[in-house]
Protein backbone atom coordinates (compact mmCIF):
# COMPACT_ATOMS: atom_id res chain seq x y z
CA UNK A 1 -3.93 5.48 7.42
CA UNK A 2 -1.53 2.56 7.30
CA UNK A 3 0.72 1.57 4.42
CA UNK A 4 2.42 -1.78 4.81
CA UNK A 5 5.15 -1.32 2.19
CA UNK A 6 7.04 -4.29 0.83
CA UNK A 7 9.94 -4.11 -1.60
CA UNK A 8 9.29 -6.91 -4.08
CA UNK A 9 10.93 -8.73 -6.97
CA UNK A 10 7.41 -9.27 -8.35
CA UNK A 11 3.82 -9.18 -7.13
CA UNK A 12 0.38 -9.98 -8.47
CA UNK A 13 -3.21 -9.78 -7.29
CA UNK A 14 -6.02 -11.93 -8.61
CA UNK A 15 -9.75 -11.71 -8.08
CA UNK A 16 -11.24 -15.04 -9.00
CA UNK A 17 -9.73 -16.10 -12.31
CA UNK A 18 -8.57 -12.65 -13.42
CA UNK A 19 -5.44 -10.66 -12.61
CA UNK A 20 -6.24 -7.08 -11.59
CA UNK A 21 -2.67 -5.89 -11.04
CA UNK A 22 0.83 -7.19 -11.62
CA UNK A 23 4.34 -5.72 -11.29
CA UNK A 24 7.97 -6.69 -11.50
CA UNK A 25 10.51 -4.97 -9.20
CA UNK A 26 8.93 -2.29 -7.07
CA UNK A 27 6.58 -1.88 -4.14
CA UNK A 28 3.56 -3.82 -2.99
CA UNK A 29 1.57 -1.54 -0.68
CA UNK A 30 -1.20 -2.91 1.51
CA UNK A 31 -3.32 0.12 2.45
CA UNK A 32 -5.58 0.37 5.49
CA UNK A 33 -7.90 3.33 6.01
CA UNK A 34 -8.92 4.42 9.52
CA UNK A 35 -12.32 5.91 10.37
CA UNK A 36 -10.73 9.33 11.01
CA UNK A 37 -8.51 9.51 7.92
CA UNK A 38 -8.57 12.45 5.51
CA UNK A 39 -7.58 13.32 1.95
CA UNK A 40 -4.52 15.17 3.28
CA UNK A 41 -3.25 12.01 4.95
CA UNK A 42 -3.71 10.04 1.73
CA UNK A 43 -1.66 12.62 -0.19
CA UNK A 44 1.08 12.73 2.48
CA UNK A 45 1.31 8.94 2.59
CA UNK A 46 1.47 8.66 -1.22
CA UNK A 47 4.42 11.07 -1.27
CA UNK A 48 6.14 9.22 1.57
CA UNK A 49 5.80 5.85 -0.21
CA UNK A 50 7.00 7.23 -3.56
CA UNK A 51 10.10 8.74 -1.98
CA UNK A 52 11.09 5.99 0.50
CA UNK A 53 14.77 5.22 -0.06
CA UNK A 54 14.66 1.42 0.21
CA UNK A 55 16.17 0.33 -3.12
CA UNK A 56 19.88 -0.41 -3.51
CA UNK A 57 22.30 2.08 -5.02
CA UNK A 58 25.59 1.21 -6.76
CA UNK A 59 27.13 0.33 -3.38
CA UNK A 60 24.17 -1.91 -2.46
CA UNK A 61 22.99 0.55 0.20
CA UNK A 62 19.26 1.32 0.55
CA UNK A 63 19.51 4.80 -0.88
CA UNK A 64 17.13 4.95 -3.87
CA UNK A 65 13.37 5.42 -4.09
CA UNK A 66 11.05 3.40 -6.30
CA UNK A 67 11.10 6.44 -8.61
CA UNK A 68 14.92 6.39 -8.79
CA UNK A 69 14.87 2.63 -9.32
CA UNK A 70 12.29 2.86 -12.10
CA UNK A 71 10.11 0.32 -10.32
CA UNK A 72 6.38 -0.17 -10.33
CA UNK A 73 3.82 -0.10 -7.54
CA UNK A 74 0.87 -2.37 -6.75
CA UNK A 75 -1.64 -1.10 -4.16
CA UNK A 76 -4.10 -3.42 -2.40
CA UNK A 77 -6.77 -2.17 0.00
CA UNK A 78 -6.74 -4.11 3.26
CA UNK A 79 -9.22 -3.12 5.97
CA UNK A 80 -7.79 -5.80 8.31
CA UNK A 81 -4.73 -3.62 8.96
CA UNK A 82 -6.86 -1.82 11.55
CA UNK A 83 -8.03 -5.07 13.12
CA UNK A 84 -7.68 -5.12 16.90
CA UNK A 85 -7.17 -8.52 18.55
CA UNK A 86 -6.11 -7.33 22.02
CA UNK A 87 -9.27 -8.68 23.65
CA UNK A 88 -10.39 -12.21 22.86
CA UNK A 89 -9.49 -14.15 19.74
CA UNK A 90 -11.81 -12.56 17.20
CA UNK A 91 -10.46 -9.28 15.82
CA UNK A 92 -12.59 -6.15 15.92
CA UNK A 93 -12.57 -3.94 12.85
CA UNK A 94 -14.44 -0.92 14.25
CA UNK A 95 -11.43 1.34 13.55
CA UNK A 96 -11.43 0.43 9.85
CA UNK A 97 -13.23 2.98 7.70
CA UNK A 98 -16.48 1.91 6.08
CA UNK A 99 -16.30 1.43 2.29
CA UNK A 100 -18.02 4.73 1.49
CA UNK A 101 -15.19 6.54 3.34
CA UNK A 102 -12.30 4.18 2.59
CA UNK A 103 -12.73 3.76 -1.16
CA UNK A 104 -12.42 7.47 -2.09
CA UNK A 105 -9.32 7.74 0.12
CA UNK A 106 -7.84 4.57 -1.45
CA UNK A 107 -8.48 6.10 -4.90
CA UNK A 108 -6.94 9.44 -3.83
CA UNK A 109 -3.85 7.62 -2.52
CA UNK A 110 -3.46 5.65 -5.77
CA UNK A 111 -3.95 8.72 -7.98
CA UNK A 112 -1.45 10.81 -5.98
CA UNK A 113 1.06 7.96 -6.08
CA UNK A 114 0.60 7.69 -9.84
CA UNK A 115 1.38 11.41 -10.20
CA UNK A 116 4.58 11.03 -8.14
CA UNK A 117 5.68 8.02 -10.21
CA UNK A 118 4.70 9.49 -13.56
CA UNK A 119 3.00 6.21 -14.47
CA UNK A 120 -0.01 4.08 -13.70
CA UNK A 121 -0.23 2.37 -10.32
CA UNK A 122 -1.39 -1.23 -10.48
CA UNK A 123 -4.24 -2.09 -8.13
CA UNK A 124 -6.23 -4.77 -6.47
CA UNK A 125 -10.02 -4.50 -6.50
CA UNK A 126 -11.47 -2.54 -3.61
CA UNK A 127 -13.70 -4.67 -1.39
CA UNK A 128 -13.05 -7.93 -3.23
CA UNK A 129 -11.64 -11.20 -1.92
CA UNK A 130 -8.16 -11.16 -3.46
CA UNK A 131 -5.26 -13.56 -3.80
CA UNK A 132 -1.99 -11.66 -3.42
CA UNK A 133 1.24 -13.29 -4.57
CA UNK A 134 4.63 -11.70 -4.00
CA UNK A 135 8.33 -12.27 -3.70
CA UNK A 136 9.55 -9.97 -0.91
CA UNK A 137 13.01 -8.67 -1.85
CA UNK A 138 15.34 -8.52 1.13
CA UNK A 139 13.00 -9.00 2.86
CA UNK A 140 12.14 -5.33 3.27
CA UNK A 141 8.79 -4.47 4.87
CA UNK A 142 7.88 -1.14 6.49
CA UNK A 143 4.81 -0.11 8.47
CA UNK A 144 4.02 3.58 7.92
CA UNK A 145 1.08 5.11 9.72
CA UNK A 146 -0.26 8.65 9.51
CA UNK A 147 -3.10 9.36 11.96
CA UNK A 148 -5.15 12.39 12.86
CA UNK A 149 -4.27 13.85 16.24
CA UNK A 150 -8.00 14.33 16.94
């Protein structure tokens, strides 16, 4: 499972003419689910994202989590994170989990993250074509991957 975590000043996701999720300061997380991912990985990754110390403290050092900062989180599913373009010019997505596997793990990740934050996690719409707008703060972007050893 991959979380591409971006610290943002604000972020929004639209599907067609409606906004499905919107936040001010916090994290925008693009989430990719691998074919071998499990519920345990989703829970581990949610905890990791909630507790990442990437927000500034009083001395402007990255020492506070989104929880400490009081920020919000917007999670967008993105199967293309497991795209492989090593061969040729057209990416292969065979490592991306199929929707019937990926969606429950996306939901588990969002629910676990919501528990850690003590508030609702904003979301995109699973499987939809989405427009994502953000202002990356820093910029700060981290790639966190948790994979099965199998």
